[in-house]
Amino acid sequence: MTTYKEAGVDLDLGNEASKILYNAAKLTWENRKGRLGEVVELFSDFSGIRGSDIGGLPKGTFTNLGFDGVGTKIEIAERMEKHDTVAYDLFAMVCDDAVRFGAEPVMVGSVLDVNSLDGNIDYLRQMAKGYVDAAREAGVAVVNGEIAELGARVRGYGDFNYNWAAGAVWFMHRSKAITGLEIKLGDHLIGFRENGFRSNGLSLTRKILENHFGENWHEVLWEDGKTLGEMVLTPSIIYAKAIVDMLGGYDANVPPKVKIHGIAHITGGGIPEKLGRILKSTGFGAVIDEPFEPPRFMDYVQYLGNVSDEEACRTWNRGQGMIVITPEPEKVVQVAELHGINAQWMGEITEKPGIIIKNVNAFSNGGYLSFS
């Protein structure tokens, strides 16, 4: 008699995995206690009914969902057999995307597709730990999730392969919406430091490192006793909680601490794409005179791959994970630093369209890069 387990799906392991993530999710509910999005559980069970009482929200309050995933950075976690930071990348993608509109991310749910849970429960516990830590950094509660064993439909490096995506529920009051139309000539650009690749440009990064060091490139030592794999796996910094603090959250009765006219989350496409998208409707441009220098390891990968500075700007964040456009630069820096974020003035809005960026790549000849 053929069983479901013999076909690749172990129901007992699936239930254990669900309980592990459920218990981790319960720890995140403290992040919203006494606030919008406080989790209410009608009965305690990983498959039980839970939700948030959102009655009484003032007129003009909107809600929506944003979805994203970790992409090919998961392969690095598979190579390193280290999965406790992947949630930082997942939450950064969905929560930092929400705040760029002026919204407050409140609840997160995820879908985790794995090849097999057999022998991999300890890896799942690593992921659960990251779940809790990343949710605390983002200030959100994990309310639900789905795990599926899909066998050969999910492939990657090593024995434990998976894809992980999430959806974030956010709330925003119309009066606090950031459309970019508020941007004015002379507004300042404040950059938030990023120490790694976030979840973008990893396909090029992996290709370069494999071309130079072979299939097991992730085991090669770089500096300070760290391997190349550890460097690529550097988790994303989550900026959402700092931005929510600056804006006062979704509540129209809580005044913003800072005037913000635009936010660019520097992911795929880099500064030219993400900042350029915000400026498109205004007709303005930007000059970036003092960007953060790219992380040294990012410079190193660019050098190995003989990647042009222009291509690097369109592929990687080059040290800027987020850019805030504001008439009050000192206040933005002050609040960001209260949240442990390294922030600095980097440039300003100009009348002439296009984006001009000072080239601070360690292997370049300086000068400026221009993007239309």
Protein backbone atom coordinates (compact mmCIF):
# COMPACT_ATOMS: atom_id res chain seq x y z
CA MET A 1 0.00 0.00 0.00
CA THR A 2 1.49 3.34 -1.08
CA THR A 3 1.46 6.16 1.49
CA TYR A 4 1.56 9.94 1.24
CA LYS A 5 4.91 9.85 3.06
CA GLU A 6 6.37 7.60 0.36
CA ALA A 7 5.23 10.18 -2.18
CA GLY A 8 7.32 12.82 -0.41
CA VAL A 9 4.88 14.43 2.01
CA ASP A 10 5.21 13.63 5.71
CA LEU A 11 2.05 14.79 7.47
CA ASP A 12 3.53 14.37 10.96
CA LEU A 13 6.57 16.45 10.08
CA GLY A 14 4.29 19.00 8.45
CA ASN A 15 2.31 19.39 11.65
CA GLU A 16 5.51 19.72 13.68
CA ALA A 17 6.79 22.38 11.29
CA SER A 18 3.51 24.29 11.51
CA LYS A 19 3.69 24.24 15.29
CA ILE A 20 7.27 25.56 15.24
CA LEU A 21 6.32 28.55 13.10
CA TYR A 22 3.07 29.08 15.01
CA ASN A 23 4.93 29.28 18.34
CA ALA A 24 7.41 31.69 16.76
CA ALA A 25 4.57 33.78 15.35
CA LYS A 26 2.93 34.04 18.79
CA LEU A 27 6.08 35.72 20.10
CA THR A 28 5.68 38.44 17.46
CA TRP A 29 2.19 39.37 18.63
CA GLU A 30 3.74 41.44 21.43
CA ASN A 31 4.98 43.83 18.73
CA ARG A 32 1.41 45.08 18.18
CA LYS A 33 -0.01 44.75 21.70
CA GLY A 34 -2.21 47.75 22.56
CA ARG A 35 -1.87 49.10 19.01
CA LEU A 36 -3.65 48.79 15.71
CA GLY A 37 -3.17 45.22 14.59
CA GLU A 38 -3.18 43.65 18.05
CA VAL A 39 -3.70 39.96 17.40
CA VAL A 40 -6.86 38.37 18.75
CA GLU A 41 -6.93 34.56 18.87
CA LEU A 42 -10.33 32.95 19.28
CA PHE A 43 -8.75 29.65 20.30
CA SER A 44 -5.13 28.62 20.70
CA ASP A 45 -4.00 26.34 17.89
CA PHE A 46 -1.72 26.74 14.90
CA SER A 47 -4.73 26.29 12.61
CA GLY A 48 -7.05 28.39 14.79
CA ILE A 49 -8.89 31.59 13.95
CA ARG A 50 -6.99 34.79 14.62
CA GLY A 51 -7.21 38.34 13.40
CA SER A 52 -7.21 41.98 14.44
CA ASP A 53 -10.05 44.21 15.54
CA ILE A 54 -9.82 47.27 13.30
CA GLY A 55 -13.19 48.78 14.10
CA GLY A 56 -13.31 52.48 14.83
CA LEU A 57 -10.66 53.57 12.35
CA PRO A 58 -11.20 57.18 11.31
CA LYS A 59 -12.63 58.05 7.91
CA GLY A 60 -9.86 58.37 5.38
CA THR A 61 -7.91 55.33 6.64
CA PHE A 62 -6.91 52.91 3.91
CA THR A 63 -5.51 49.40 3.95
CA ASN A 64 -3.86 47.16 1.39
CA LEU A 65 -1.46 44.26 0.93
CA GLY A 66 2.08 44.18 -0.42
CA PHE A 67 3.85 40.99 -1.51
CA ASP A 68 7.48 40.07 -2.11
CA GLY A 69 10.02 37.31 -1.61
CA VAL A 70 13.68 36.72 -0.84
CA GLY A 71 14.65 35.66 -4.35
CA THR A 72 17.90 33.82 -5.04
CA LYS A 73 19.48 34.94 -1.76
CA ILE A 74 17.91 31.77 -0.37
CA GLU A 75 20.53 29.77 -2.27
CA ILE A 76 23.23 31.45 -0.17
CA ALA A 77 21.46 30.35 3.01
CA GLU A 78 21.27 26.83 1.58
CA ARG A 79 24.98 26.86 0.79
CA MET A 80 25.88 28.11 4.28
CA GLU A 81 23.29 25.92 6.04
CA LYS A 82 22.39 29.11 7.89
CA HIS A 83 18.78 30.20 7.77
CA ASP A 84 18.33 32.45 10.82
CA THR A 85 18.76 35.74 8.92
CA VAL A 86 16.61 35.07 5.83
CA ALA A 87 13.53 36.54 7.53
CA TYR A 88 15.32 39.90 7.77
CA ASP A 89 15.49 39.98 3.98
CA LEU A 90 11.88 38.88 3.67
CA PHE A 91 10.52 41.46 6.11
CA ALA A 92 12.71 44.23 4.69
CA MET A 93 11.26 43.65 1.24
CA VAL A 94 7.59 43.81 2.26
CA CYS A 95 7.69 46.22 5.21
CA ASP A 96 10.14 48.75 3.78
CA ASP A 97 8.13 48.80 0.57
CA ALA A 98 5.00 49.68 2.58
CA VAL A 99 6.47 52.66 4.42
CA ARG A 100 7.65 54.34 1.23
CA PHE A 101 3.99 55.26 0.64
CA GLY A 102 3.55 56.61 4.17
CA ALA A 103 1.86 53.44 5.39
CA GLU A 104 2.35 51.54 8.62
CA PRO A 105 2.93 47.79 8.14
CA VAL A 106 1.02 45.89 10.81
CA MET A 107 0.62 42.19 10.00
CA VAL A 108 2.63 39.72 7.94
CA GLY A 109 1.77 36.28 6.58
CA SER A 110 4.08 34.04 4.57
CA VAL A 111 4.14 31.06 2.23
CA LEU A 112 7.04 28.64 2.62
CA ASP A 113 7.49 25.99 -0.07
CA VAL A 114 10.12 23.35 0.74
CA ASN A 115 11.37 20.31 -1.09
CA SER A 116 11.19 18.15 2.05
CA LEU A 117 10.97 18.53 5.81
CA ASP A 118 12.55 15.14 6.42
CA GLY A 119 15.78 15.74 8.34
CA ASN A 120 15.38 19.51 8.03
CA ILE A 121 13.38 20.50 11.10
CA ASP A 122 16.44 22.09 12.74
CA TYR A 123 16.78 24.39 9.73
CA LEU A 124 13.14 25.36 10.19
CA ARG A 125 13.88 26.26 13.81
CA GLN A 126 16.62 28.59 12.56
CA MET A 127 14.10 30.25 10.27
CA ALA A 128 11.62 30.58 13.13
CA LYS A 129 14.21 32.38 15.25
CA GLY A 130 14.83 34.83 12.43
CA TYR A 131 11.05 35.24 12.08
CA VAL A 132 10.80 36.51 15.65
CA ASP A 133 13.84 38.77 15.50
CA ALA A 134 12.97 40.34 12.13
CA ALA A 135 9.34 40.96 13.12
CA ARG A 136 10.54 42.80 16.22
CA GLU A 137 12.80 44.98 14.06
CA ALA A 138 9.91 45.76 11.71
CA GLY A 139 7.34 46.26 14.49
CA VAL A 140 4.85 43.83 12.97
CA ALA A 141 2.97 40.71 14.05
CA VAL A 142 3.08 37.44 12.12
CA VAL A 143 -0.53 36.29 11.91
CA ASN A 144 -0.50 33.30 9.57
CA GLY A 145 1.51 31.22 7.17
CA GLU A 146 1.54 28.17 4.97
CA ILE A 147 4.13 25.40 4.62
CA ALA A 148 4.06 22.97 1.71
CA GLU A 149 6.34 20.05 0.83
CA LEU A 150 6.64 20.10 -2.95
CA GLY A 151 9.42 17.63 -3.60
CA ALA A 152 11.26 18.08 -6.88
CA ARG A 153 9.21 21.18 -7.69
CA VAL A 154 11.57 23.06 -5.34
CA ARG A 155 15.27 22.73 -6.07
CA GLY A 156 18.47 24.47 -5.05
CA TYR A 157 21.80 23.83 -3.39
CA GLY A 158 22.21 20.95 -0.94
CA ASP A 159 19.47 18.87 0.64
CA PHE A 160 17.18 21.58 2.05
CA ASN A 161 15.65 23.81 -0.61
CA TYR A 162 12.85 26.34 -0.29
CA ASN A 163 11.19 29.49 -1.57
CA TRP A 164 9.82 32.01 0.91
CA ALA A 165 7.41 34.86 0.14
CA ALA A 166 5.30 37.09 2.32
CA GLY A 167 2.45 39.55 2.28
CA ALA A 168 2.29 42.58 4.57
CA VAL A 169 -0.99 44.24 5.59
CA TRP A 170 -0.57 47.98 5.99
CA PHE A 171 -2.74 50.92 7.04
CA MET A 172 -2.45 54.55 5.99
CA HIS A 173 -4.43 57.71 6.48
CA ARG A 174 -4.98 59.71 3.34
CA SER A 175 -3.51 62.82 4.98
CA LYS A 176 -0.18 61.01 5.46
CA ALA A 177 0.14 59.45 2.03
CA ILE A 178 3.52 60.02 0.37
CA THR A 179 2.94 60.41 -3.36
CA GLY A 180 6.12 62.21 -4.36
CA LEU A 181 4.06 65.12 -5.66
CA GLU A 182 5.01 67.07 -2.52
CA ILE A 183 8.69 67.11 -3.53
CA LYS A 184 10.04 70.64 -3.87
CA LEU A 185 13.10 72.20 -5.42
CA GLY A 186 15.87 72.26 -2.82
CA ASP A 187 14.56 69.35 -0.76
CA HIS A 188 17.32 67.28 0.78
CA LEU A 189 18.16 63.62 0.27
CA ILE A 190 19.04 61.58 3.35
CA GLY A 191 20.58 58.16 2.79
CA PHE A 192 20.16 55.20 5.15
CA ARG A 193 23.20 52.96 5.27
CA GLU A 194 23.01 49.37 4.02
CA ASN A 195 25.88 46.98 4.70
CA GLY A 196 25.02 44.27 2.20
CA PHE A 197 23.19 43.42 -1.02
CA ARG A 198 19.69 43.25 0.54
CA SER A 199 17.76 40.81 -1.72
CA ASN A 200 18.72 42.31 -5.04
CA GLY A 201 21.39 41.73 -7.65
CA LEU A 202 22.24 38.33 -6.22
CA SER A 203 22.09 36.54 -9.57
CA LEU A 204 24.95 38.69 -10.87
CA THR A 205 26.84 38.37 -7.58
CA ARG A 206 26.59 34.57 -7.59
CA LYS A 207 27.63 34.37 -11.25
CA ILE A 208 30.74 36.48 -10.65
CA LEU A 209 31.86 34.53 -7.59
CA GLU A 210 31.25 31.15 -9.21
CA ASN A 211 33.16 32.19 -12.33
CA HIS A 212 36.18 33.13 -10.22
CA PHE A 213 36.15 30.55 -7.45
CA GLY A 214 34.18 27.61 -8.79
CA GLU A 215 31.10 25.76 -7.56
CA ASN A 216 32.10 25.95 -3.88
CA TRP A 217 32.87 29.67 -3.92
CA HIS A 218 30.91 30.20 -0.70
CA GLU A 219 33.60 28.33 1.28
CA VAL A 220 36.44 30.64 0.20
CA LEU A 221 37.81 32.85 2.98
CA TRP A 222 37.74 36.61 2.48
CA GLU A 223 38.60 38.85 5.45
CA ASP A 224 38.36 38.63 9.25
CA GLY A 225 37.91 34.88 8.98
CA LYS A 226 34.61 35.26 7.10
CA THR A 227 33.79 33.31 3.97
CA LEU A 228 32.45 34.74 0.73
CA GLY A 229 29.16 33.03 1.51
CA GLU A 230 28.86 34.79 4.86
CA MET A 231 29.50 38.13 3.23
CA VAL A 232 26.81 37.65 0.56
CA LEU A 233 24.36 36.45 3.25
CA THR A 234 24.66 39.71 5.23
CA PRO A 235 21.03 40.35 6.30
CA SER A 236 19.06 43.38 5.14
CA ILE A 237 18.59 46.30 7.52
CA ILE A 238 14.90 46.93 8.20
CA TYR A 239 14.00 50.65 8.14
CA ALA A 240 10.23 50.41 8.57
CA LYS A 241 10.01 51.12 12.30
CA ALA A 242 12.10 54.29 11.96
CA ILE A 243 9.95 55.63 9.11
CA VAL A 244 6.74 54.87 11.02
CA ASP A 245 8.16 56.80 13.96
CA MET A 246 8.96 59.78 11.74
CA LEU A 247 5.46 59.84 10.25
CA GLY A 248 3.54 59.05 13.43
CA GLY A 249 2.09 55.89 11.92
CA TYR A 250 -1.32 55.53 10.32
CA ASP A 251 -3.14 57.71 12.89
CA ALA A 252 -4.07 61.13 11.53
CA ASN A 253 -4.27 62.44 15.12
CA VAL A 254 -0.56 61.73 15.72
CA PRO A 255 1.46 64.50 14.05
CA PRO A 256 4.59 63.57 12.09
CA LYS A 257 7.93 64.24 13.75
CA VAL A 258 9.42 65.09 10.36
CA LYS A 259 8.17 66.41 7.04
CA ILE A 260 8.82 63.76 4.40
CA HIS A 261 8.09 64.45 0.74
CA GLY A 262 9.34 61.20 -0.79
CA ILE A 263 10.92 57.84 0.03
CA ALA A 264 12.88 55.54 -2.26
CA HIS A 265 13.48 51.95 -1.16
CA ILE A 266 16.67 51.03 -3.00
CA THR A 267 16.06 47.51 -4.30
CA GLY A 268 16.13 46.16 -7.87
CA GLY A 269 17.20 48.85 -10.32
CA GLY A 270 19.22 50.69 -7.69
CA ILE A 271 19.12 54.45 -7.16
CA PRO A 272 18.53 55.35 -10.85
CA GLU A 273 15.36 53.24 -10.99
CA LYS A 274 13.89 53.72 -7.52
CA LEU A 275 14.69 57.41 -6.98
CA GLY A 276 14.00 58.12 -10.64
CA ARG A 277 10.52 56.61 -10.34
CA ILE A 278 9.59 59.02 -7.54
CA LEU A 279 10.95 62.06 -9.37
CA LYS A 280 9.31 61.22 -12.69
CA SER A 281 5.97 62.82 -11.85
CA THR A 282 7.58 66.03 -10.60
CA GLY A 283 9.94 66.68 -13.50
CA PHE A 284 12.75 67.35 -11.00
CA GLY A 285 16.13 65.70 -10.80
CA ALA A 286 18.67 65.05 -8.05
CA VAL A 287 22.36 65.52 -7.42
CA ILE A 288 23.94 63.11 -4.94
CA ASP A 289 27.23 64.59 -3.76
CA GLU A 290 27.85 62.55 -0.60
CA PRO A 291 26.56 59.00 -0.93
CA PHE A 292 27.68 56.30 1.43
CA GLU A 293 30.61 54.38 0.00
CA PRO A 294 29.61 50.90 -1.18
CA PRO A 295 30.44 48.11 1.26
CA ARG A 296 34.00 46.95 0.57
CA PHE A 297 32.79 43.50 -0.34
CA MET A 298 30.39 44.93 -2.91
CA ASP A 299 33.27 46.86 -4.45
CA TYR A 300 35.29 43.63 -4.47
CA VAL A 301 32.57 41.71 -6.35
CA GLN A 302 32.23 44.54 -8.85
CA TYR A 303 36.00 44.53 -9.42
CA LEU A 304 36.13 40.74 -9.87
CA GLY A 305 33.32 40.83 -12.40
CA ASN A 306 34.61 43.87 -14.27
CA VAL A 307 31.17 45.43 -13.81
CA SER A 308 30.90 49.04 -14.97
CA ASP A 309 30.00 51.67 -12.39
CA GLU A 310 26.81 52.44 -14.30
CA GLU A 311 25.78 48.78 -14.29
CA ALA A 312 26.64 48.47 -10.60
CA CYS A 313 24.41 51.45 -9.81
CA ARG A 314 21.51 49.81 -11.63
CA THR A 315 22.07 46.40 -10.02
CA TRP A 316 23.07 46.99 -6.38
CA ASN A 317 22.20 49.52 -3.69
CA ARG A 318 25.88 50.54 -3.33
CA GLY A 319 25.47 51.26 0.37
CA GLN A 320 22.14 53.12 0.31
CA GLY A 321 19.19 50.97 1.41
CA MET A 322 16.71 53.84 1.53
CA ILE A 323 16.60 57.51 0.58
CA VAL A 324 14.31 59.99 2.31
CA ILE A 325 13.45 63.28 0.59
CA THR A 326 12.76 66.02 3.12
CA PRO A 327 13.00 69.75 3.88
CA GLU A 328 14.11 68.79 7.42
CA PRO A 329 17.28 66.74 7.00
CA GLU A 330 18.58 67.09 10.57
CA LYS A 331 15.35 65.70 12.02
CA VAL A 332 15.39 62.69 9.71
CA VAL A 333 18.97 61.87 10.69
CA GLN A 334 18.15 62.29 14.38
CA VAL A 335 15.17 59.92 14.36
CA ALA A 336 16.97 57.37 12.18
CA GLU A 337 19.90 57.27 14.57
CA LEU A 338 17.55 56.73 17.52
CA HIS A 339 16.60 53.51 15.75
CA GLY A 340 20.21 52.48 15.23
CA ILE A 341 20.29 53.45 11.56
CA ASN A 342 23.36 55.16 10.14
CA ALA A 343 21.94 58.12 8.17
CA GLN A 344 23.57 61.07 6.42
CA TRP A 345 22.88 63.95 4.05
CA MET A 346 23.71 62.89 0.52
CA GLY A 347 22.31 65.47 -1.88
CA GLU A 348 19.34 67.56 -2.95
CA ILE A 349 16.56 67.94 -5.47
CA THR A 350 17.39 69.96 -8.60
CA GLU A 351 15.34 71.67 -11.26
CA LYS A 352 17.10 69.83 -14.08
CA PRO A 353 15.73 66.29 -14.62
CA GLY A 354 17.97 63.28 -14.28
CA ILE A 355 20.04 61.83 -11.45
CA ILE A 356 23.71 62.63 -10.99
CA ILE A 357 25.65 60.52 -8.47
CA LYS A 358 29.18 61.11 -7.23
CA ASN A 359 31.16 57.96 -7.96
CA VAL A 360 32.79 56.76 -4.74
CA ASN A 361 33.59 53.23 -5.87
CA ALA A 362 36.99 52.20 -4.46
CA PHE A 363 38.22 51.07 -7.90
CA SER A 364 36.90 54.00 -9.93
CA ASN A 365 38.51 57.23 -11.03
CA GLY A 366 35.94 59.35 -9.22
CA GLY A 367 33.82 61.88 -11.02
CA TYR A 368 30.04 61.68 -11.39
CA LEU A 369 27.67 59.20 -13.01
CA SER A 370 24.68 60.55 -14.89
CA PHE A 371 21.33 58.81 -15.39
CA SER A 372 18.41 60.23 -17.35
